[in-house]
Amino acid sequence: MDIQLEKREAMEMLKETNDPTLIMAIAKLLRKNKKDWWDDLTNQQKEDIAQSELEFERGEFTSYEDVMKKYR
């Protein structure tokens, strides 16, 4: 199966249809199929990000410019 060919054919069929029910059904299916990268993170990764956000809010961070000063 050539996935690129299948995609092109599906796009052509979609362009040629004027059936709003079909168009809305396809759009709904595609939106439902989209995954948020957040959902793929482990609980530990999510906790680490939350901790980093708290540290940032408290001003506990080093700016990019300061880090780069060490290496220039």
PDB file of N, CA and C in Angstrom:
ATOM      1  N   MET A   1       0.839  -1.179   0.000  1.00  0.00           N
ATOM      2  CA  MET A   1       0.000   0.000   0.000  1.00  0.00           C
ATOM      3  C   MET A   1       0.886   1.246   0.000  1.00  0.00           C
ATOM      4  N   ASP A   2       0.647   2.130  -0.936  1.00  0.00           N
ATOM      5  CA  ASP A   2       1.366   3.391  -1.023  1.00  0.00           C
ATOM      6  C   ASP A   2       0.552   4.447  -0.276  1.00  0.00           C
ATOM      7  N   ILE A   3       0.989   4.776   0.914  1.00  0.00           N
ATOM      8  CA  ILE A   3       0.218   5.687   1.770  1.00  0.00           C
ATOM      9  C   ILE A   3       0.090   7.072   1.145  1.00  0.00           C
ATOM     10  N   GLN A   4       1.114   7.523   0.460  1.00  0.00           N
ATOM     11  CA  GLN A   4       1.045   8.844  -0.166  1.00  0.00           C
ATOM     12  C   GLN A   4      -0.019   8.867  -1.263  1.00  0.00           C
ATOM     13  N   LEU A   5      -0.095   7.793  -2.030  1.00  0.00           N
ATOM     14  CA  LEU A   5      -1.117   7.684  -3.072  1.00  0.00           C
ATOM     15  C   LEU A   5      -2.510   7.661  -2.442  1.00  0.00           C
ATOM     16  N   GLU A   6      -2.675   6.901  -1.371  1.00  0.00           N
ATOM     17  CA  GLU A   6      -3.963   6.835  -0.677  1.00  0.00           C
ATOM     18  C   GLU A   6      -4.380   8.214  -0.167  1.00  0.00           C
ATOM     19  N   LYS A   7      -3.429   8.952   0.380  1.00  0.00           N
ATOM     20  CA  LYS A   7      -3.731  10.295   0.889  1.00  0.00           C
ATOM     21  C   LYS A   7      -4.163  11.230  -0.242  1.00  0.00           C
ATOM     22  N   ARG A   8      -3.436  11.166  -1.356  1.00  0.00           N
ATOM     23  CA  ARG A   8      -3.782  12.022  -2.496  1.00  0.00           C
ATOM     24  C   ARG A   8      -5.181  11.701  -3.017  1.00  0.00           C
ATOM     25  N   GLU A   9      -5.472  10.404  -3.131  1.00  0.00           N
ATOM     26  CA  GLU A   9      -6.794   9.999  -3.624  1.00  0.00           C
ATOM     27  C   GLU A   9      -7.895  10.430  -2.659  1.00  0.00           C
ATOM     28  N   ALA A  10      -7.657  10.295  -1.375  1.00  0.00           N
ATOM     29  CA  ALA A  10      -8.651  10.706  -0.376  1.00  0.00           C
ATOM     30  C   ALA A  10      -8.881  12.218  -0.441  1.00  0.00           C
ATOM     31  N   MET A  11      -7.807  12.979  -0.606  1.00  0.00           N
ATOM     32  CA  MET A  11      -7.950  14.437  -0.705  1.00  0.00           C
ATOM     33  C   MET A  11      -8.735  14.826  -1.956  1.00  0.00           C
ATOM     34  N   GLU A  12      -8.469  14.144  -3.053  1.00  0.00           N
ATOM     35  CA  GLU A  12      -9.200  14.433  -4.290  1.00  0.00           C
ATOM     36  C   GLU A  12     -10.685  14.142  -4.124  1.00  0.00           C
ATOM     37  N   MET A  13     -11.000  12.998  -3.506  1.00  0.00           N
ATOM     38  CA  MET A  13     -12.404  12.663  -3.285  1.00  0.00           C
ATOM     39  C   MET A  13     -13.077  13.689  -2.375  1.00  0.00           C
ATOM     40  N   LEU A  14     -12.370  14.128  -1.362  1.00  0.00           N
ATOM     41  CA  LEU A  14     -12.925  15.121  -0.447  1.00  0.00           C
ATOM     42  C   LEU A  14     -13.144  16.450  -1.161  1.00  0.00           C
ATOM     43  N   LYS A  15     -12.198  16.846  -2.021  1.00  0.00           N
ATOM     44  CA  LYS A  15     -12.354  18.098  -2.766  1.00  0.00           C
ATOM     45  C   LYS A  15     -13.555  18.056  -3.700  1.00  0.00           C
ATOM     46  N   GLU A  16     -13.866  16.874  -4.219  1.00  0.00           N
ATOM     47  CA  GLU A  16     -14.941  16.759  -5.202  1.00  0.00           C
ATOM     48  C   GLU A  16     -16.331  16.630  -4.584  1.00  0.00           C
ATOM     49  N   THR A  17     -16.410  16.342  -3.289  1.00  0.00           N
ATOM     50  CA  THR A  17     -17.723  16.151  -2.675  1.00  0.00           C
ATOM     51  C   THR A  17     -18.309  17.475  -2.181  1.00  0.00           C
ATOM     52  N   ASN A  18     -19.621  17.563  -2.233  1.00  0.00           N
ATOM     53  CA  ASN A  18     -20.325  18.725  -1.690  1.00  0.00           C
ATOM     54  C   ASN A  18     -21.280  18.298  -0.577  1.00  0.00           C
ATOM     55  N   ASP A  19     -21.117  17.067  -0.117  1.00  0.00           N
ATOM     56  CA  ASP A  19     -21.976  16.525   0.925  1.00  0.00           C
ATOM     57  C   ASP A  19     -21.489  17.015   2.288  1.00  0.00           C
ATOM     58  N   PRO A  20     -22.210  17.976   2.901  1.00  0.00           N
ATOM     59  CA  PRO A  20     -21.750  18.538   4.175  1.00  0.00           C
ATOM     60  C   PRO A  20     -21.698  17.507   5.297  1.00  0.00           C
ATOM     61  N   THR A  21     -22.594  16.520   5.248  1.00  0.00           N
ATOM     62  CA  THR A  21     -22.587  15.484   6.280  1.00  0.00           C
ATOM     63  C   THR A  21     -21.305  14.666   6.216  1.00  0.00           C
ATOM     64  N   LEU A  22     -20.897  14.322   5.011  1.00  0.00           N
ATOM     65  CA  LEU A  22     -19.668  13.563   4.825  1.00  0.00           C
ATOM     66  C   LEU A  22     -18.449  14.392   5.230  1.00  0.00           C
ATOM     67  N   ILE A  23     -18.432  15.633   4.824  1.00  0.00           N
ATOM     68  CA  ILE A  23     -17.307  16.515   5.150  1.00  0.00           C
ATOM     69  C   ILE A  23     -17.181  16.681   6.664  1.00  0.00           C
ATOM     70  N   MET A  24     -18.307  16.915   7.345  1.00  0.00           N
ATOM     71  CA  MET A  24     -18.283  17.088   8.796  1.00  0.00           C
ATOM     72  C   MET A  24     -17.860  15.792   9.494  1.00  0.00           C
ATOM     73  N   ALA A  25     -18.298  14.648   8.982  1.00  0.00           N
ATOM     74  CA  ALA A  25     -17.931  13.362   9.577  1.00  0.00           C
ATOM     75  C   ALA A  25     -16.429  13.119   9.455  1.00  0.00           C
ATOM     76  N   ILE A  26     -15.875  13.433   8.307  1.00  0.00           N
ATOM     77  CA  ILE A  26     -14.433  13.256   8.109  1.00  0.00           C
ATOM     78  C   ILE A  26     -13.655  14.208   9.007  1.00  0.00           C
ATOM     79  N   ALA A  27     -14.098  15.457   9.075  1.00  0.00           N
ATOM     80  CA  ALA A  27     -13.422  16.437   9.931  1.00  0.00           C
ATOM     81  C   ALA A  27     -13.464  15.995  11.394  1.00  0.00           C
ATOM     82  N   LYS A  28     -14.611  15.491  11.832  1.00  0.00           N
ATOM     83  CA  LYS A  28     -14.753  15.026  13.217  1.00  0.00           C
ATOM     84  C   LYS A  28     -13.823  13.847  13.481  1.00  0.00           C
ATOM     85  N   LEU A  29     -13.760  12.927  12.547  1.00  0.00           N
ATOM     86  CA  LEU A  29     -12.884  11.766  12.675  1.00  0.00           C
ATOM     87  C   LEU A  29     -11.421  12.193  12.777  1.00  0.00           C
ATOM     88  N   LEU A  30     -11.010  13.122  11.935  1.00  0.00           N
ATOM     89  CA  LEU A  30      -9.623  13.577  11.953  1.00  0.00           C
ATOM     90  C   LEU A  30      -9.292  14.324  13.238  1.00  0.00           C
ATOM     91  N   ARG A  31     -10.216  15.142  13.736  1.00  0.00           N
ATOM     92  CA  ARG A  31      -9.979  15.855  14.993  1.00  0.00           C
ATOM     93  C   ARG A  31      -9.873  14.878  16.158  1.00  0.00           C
ATOM     94  N   LYS A  32     -10.728  13.872  16.164  1.00  0.00           N
ATOM     95  CA  LYS A  32     -10.732  12.874  17.239  1.00  0.00           C
ATOM     96  C   LYS A  32      -9.444  12.071  17.226  1.00  0.00           C
ATOM     97  N   ASN A  33      -8.907  11.845  16.057  1.00  0.00           N
ATOM     98  CA  ASN A  33      -7.712  11.031  15.889  1.00  0.00           C
ATOM     99  C   ASN A  33      -6.441  11.764  16.324  1.00  0.00           C
ATOM    100  N   LYS A  34      -6.492  13.094  16.406  1.00  0.00           N
ATOM    101  CA  LYS A  34      -5.317  13.866  16.807  1.00  0.00           C
ATOM    102  C   LYS A  34      -5.014  13.626  18.272  1.00  0.00           C
ATOM    103  N   LYS A  35      -3.767  13.347  18.572  1.00  0.00           N
ATOM    104  CA  LYS A  35      -3.368  13.128  19.947  1.00  0.00           C
ATOM    105  C   LYS A  35      -2.586  14.325  20.454  1.00  0.00           C
ATOM    106  N   ASP A  36      -2.772  14.602  21.705  1.00  0.00           N
ATOM    107  CA  ASP A  36      -2.003  15.645  22.364  1.00  0.00           C
ATOM    108  C   ASP A  36      -0.725  15.007  22.905  1.00  0.00           C
ATOM    109  N   TRP A  37       0.419  15.593  22.646  1.00  0.00           N
ATOM    110  CA  TRP A  37       1.691  15.026  23.079  1.00  0.00           C
ATOM    111  C   TRP A  37       1.715  14.844  24.592  1.00  0.00           C
ATOM    112  N   TRP A  38       0.975  15.682  25.327  1.00  0.00           N
ATOM    113  CA  TRP A  38       0.933  15.600  26.786  1.00  0.00           C
ATOM    114  C   TRP A  38       0.450  14.220  27.236  1.00  0.00           C
ATOM    115  N   ASP A  39      -0.486  13.666  26.509  1.00  0.00           N
ATOM    116  CA  ASP A  39      -1.053  12.364  26.866  1.00  0.00           C
ATOM    117  C   ASP A  39      -0.032  11.232  26.743  1.00  0.00           C
ATOM    118  N   ASP A  40       1.024  11.428  25.982  1.00  0.00           N
ATOM    119  CA  ASP A  40       2.047  10.406  25.801  1.00  0.00           C
ATOM    120  C   ASP A  40       3.145  10.460  26.866  1.00  0.00           C
ATOM    121  N   LEU A  41       3.126  11.503  27.706  1.00  0.00           N
ATOM    122  CA  LEU A  41       4.140  11.627  28.750  1.00  0.00           C
ATOM    123  C   LEU A  41       3.822  10.696  29.914  1.00  0.00           C
ATOM    124  N   THR A  42       4.884  10.268  30.588  1.00  0.00           N
ATOM    125  CA  THR A  42       4.680   9.465  31.797  1.00  0.00           C
ATOM    126  C   THR A  42       4.277  10.398  32.931  1.00  0.00           C
ATOM    127  N   ASN A  43       3.750   9.824  34.010  1.00  0.00           N
ATOM    128  CA  ASN A  43       3.396  10.642  35.175  1.00  0.00           C
ATOM    129  C   ASN A  43       4.620  11.352  35.732  1.00  0.00           C
ATOM    130  N   GLN A  44       5.764  10.668  35.724  1.00  0.00           N
ATOM    131  CA  GLN A  44       6.993  11.283  36.219  1.00  0.00           C
ATOM    132  C   GLN A  44       7.378  12.499  35.372  1.00  0.00           C
ATOM    133  N   GLN A  45       7.252  12.391  34.074  1.00  0.00           N
ATOM    134  CA  GLN A  45       7.567  13.520  33.196  1.00  0.00           C
ATOM    135  C   GLN A  45       6.622  14.690  33.462  1.00  0.00           C
ATOM    136  N   LYS A  46       5.352  14.396  33.657  1.00  0.00           N
ATOM    137  CA  LYS A  46       4.374  15.458  33.954  1.00  0.00           C
ATOM    138  C   LYS A  46       4.696  16.132  35.284  1.00  0.00           C
ATOM    139  N   GLU A  47       5.084  15.330  36.289  1.00  0.00           N
ATOM    140  CA  GLU A  47       5.456  15.892  37.587  1.00  0.00           C
ATOM    141  C   GLU A  47       6.707  16.758  37.468  1.00  0.00           C
ATOM    142  N   ASP A  48       7.674  16.309  36.679  1.00  0.00           N
ATOM    143  CA  ASP A  48       8.902  17.088  36.474  1.00  0.00           C
ATOM    144  C   ASP A  48       8.598  18.431  35.818  1.00  0.00           C
ATOM    145  N   ILE A  49       7.710  18.425  34.858  1.00  0.00           N
ATOM    146  CA  ILE A  49       7.336  19.681  34.192  1.00  0.00           C
ATOM    147  C   ILE A  49       6.627  20.605  35.173  1.00  0.00           C
ATOM    148  N   ALA A  50       5.713  20.064  35.969  1.00  0.00           N
ATOM    149  CA  ALA A  50       5.007  20.880  36.964  1.00  0.00           C
ATOM    150  C   ALA A  50       5.998  21.479  37.956  1.00  0.00           C
ATOM    151  N   GLN A  51       6.974  20.682  38.391  1.00  0.00           N
ATOM    152  CA  GLN A  51       8.000  21.180  39.320  1.00  0.00           C
ATOM    153  C   GLN A  51       8.825  22.293  38.665  1.00  0.00           C
ATOM    154  N   SER A  52       9.176  22.115  37.407  1.00  0.00           N
ATOM    155  CA  SER A  52       9.947  23.136  36.684  1.00  0.00           C
ATOM    156  C   SER A  52       9.163  24.434  36.573  1.00  0.00           C
ATOM    157  N   GLU A  53       7.866  24.327  36.334  1.00  0.00           N
ATOM    158  CA  GLU A  53       7.036  25.530  36.245  1.00  0.00           C
ATOM    159  C   GLU A  53       7.011  26.272  37.570  1.00  0.00           C
ATOM    160  N   LEU A  54       6.919  25.540  38.685  1.00  0.00           N
ATOM    161  CA  LEU A  54       6.933  26.176  40.007  1.00  0.00           C
ATOM    162  C   LEU A  54       8.266  26.862  40.265  1.00  0.00           C
ATOM    163  N   GLU A  55       9.361  26.192  39.911  1.00  0.00           N
ATOM    164  CA  GLU A  55      10.684  26.782  40.081  1.00  0.00           C
ATOM    165  C   GLU A  55      10.818  28.055  39.249  1.00  0.00           C
ATOM    166  N   PHE A  56      10.311  28.042  38.050  1.00  0.00           N
ATOM    167  CA  PHE A  56      10.370  29.221  37.184  1.00  0.00           C
ATOM    168  C   PHE A  56       9.583  30.378  37.803  1.00  0.00           C
ATOM    169  N   GLU A  57       8.387  30.073  38.302  1.00  0.00           N
ATOM    170  CA  GLU A  57       7.558  31.111  38.921  1.00  0.00           C
ATOM    171  C   GLU A  57       8.237  31.727  40.139  1.00  0.00           C
ATOM    172  N   ARG A  58       9.050  30.931  40.856  1.00  0.00           N
ATOM    173  CA  ARG A  58       9.777  31.433  42.031  1.00  0.00           C
ATOM    174  C   ARG A  58      11.075  32.133  41.636  1.00  0.00           C
ATOM    175  N   GLY A  59      11.373  32.155  40.354  1.00  0.00           N
ATOM    176  CA  GLY A  59      12.594  32.805  39.881  1.00  0.00           C
ATOM    177  C   GLY A  59      13.821  31.933  40.010  1.00  0.00           C
ATOM    178  N   GLU A  60      13.631  30.653  40.210  1.00  0.00           N
ATOM    179  CA  GLU A  60      14.738  29.719  40.382  1.00  0.00           C
ATOM    180  C   GLU A  60      15.149  29.133  39.038  1.00  0.00           C
ATOM    181  N   PHE A  61      15.801  29.946  38.232  1.00  0.00           N
ATOM    182  CA  PHE A  61      16.245  29.486  36.921  1.00  0.00           C
ATOM    183  C   PHE A  61      17.441  30.312  36.485  1.00  0.00           C
ATOM    184  N   THR A  62      18.122  29.818  35.477  1.00  0.00           N
ATOM    185  CA  THR A  62      19.249  30.518  34.869  1.00  0.00           C
ATOM    186  C   THR A  62      18.848  30.858  33.449  1.00  0.00           C
ATOM    187  N   SER A  63      19.035  32.110  33.074  1.00  0.00           N
ATOM    188  CA  SER A  63      18.630  32.524  31.734  1.00  0.00           C
ATOM    189  C   SER A  63      19.534  31.882  30.674  1.00  0.00           C
ATOM    190  N   TYR A  64      19.010  31.806  29.486  1.00  0.00           N
ATOM    191  CA  TYR A  64      19.757  31.271  28.349  1.00  0.00           C
ATOM    192  C   TYR A  64      21.044  32.074  28.155  1.00  0.00           C
ATOM    193  N   GLU A  65      20.929  33.394  28.257  1.00  0.00           N
ATOM    194  CA  GLU A  65      22.098  34.259  28.057  1.00  0.00           C
ATOM    195  C   GLU A  65      23.191  33.962  29.070  1.00  0.00           C
ATOM    196  N   ASP A  66      22.818  33.754  30.340  1.00  0.00           N
ATOM    197  CA  ASP A  66      23.801  33.450  31.365  1.00  0.00           C
ATOM    198  C   ASP A  66      24.482  32.107  31.113  1.00  0.00           C
ATOM    199  N   VAL A  67      23.728  31.127  30.681  1.00  0.00           N
ATOM    200  CA  VAL A  67      24.314  29.820  30.389  1.00  0.00           C
ATOM    201  C   VAL A  67      25.288  29.952  29.222  1.00  0.00           C
ATOM    202  N   MET A  68      24.899  30.695  28.191  1.00  0.00           N
ATOM    203  CA  MET A  68      25.744  30.825  27.014  1.00  0.00           C
ATOM    204  C   MET A  68      27.020  31.603  27.300  1.00  0.00           C
ATOM    205  N   LYS A  69      27.025  32.486  28.298  1.00  0.00           N
ATOM    206  CA  LYS A  69      28.223  33.234  28.648  1.00  0.00           C
ATOM    207  C   LYS A  69      29.368  32.290  29.034  1.00  0.00           C
ATOM    208  N   LYS A  70      29.022  31.158  29.631  1.00  0.00           N
ATOM    209  CA  LYS A  70      30.037  30.192  30.040  1.00  0.00           C
ATOM    210  C   LYS A  70      30.747  29.581  28.837  1.00  0.00           C
ATOM    211  N   TYR A  71      30.068  29.486  27.722  1.00  0.00           N
ATOM    212  CA  TYR A  71      30.578  28.724  26.583  1.00  0.00           C
ATOM    213  C   TYR A  71      31.049  29.594  25.419  1.00  0.00           C
ATOM    214  N   ARG A  72      30.999  30.874  25.591  1.00  0.00           N
ATOM    215  CA  ARG A  72      31.448  31.762  24.503  1.00  0.00           C
ATOM    216  C   ARG A  72      32.838  32.247  24.736  1.00  0.00           C
TER     217      ARG A  72
END
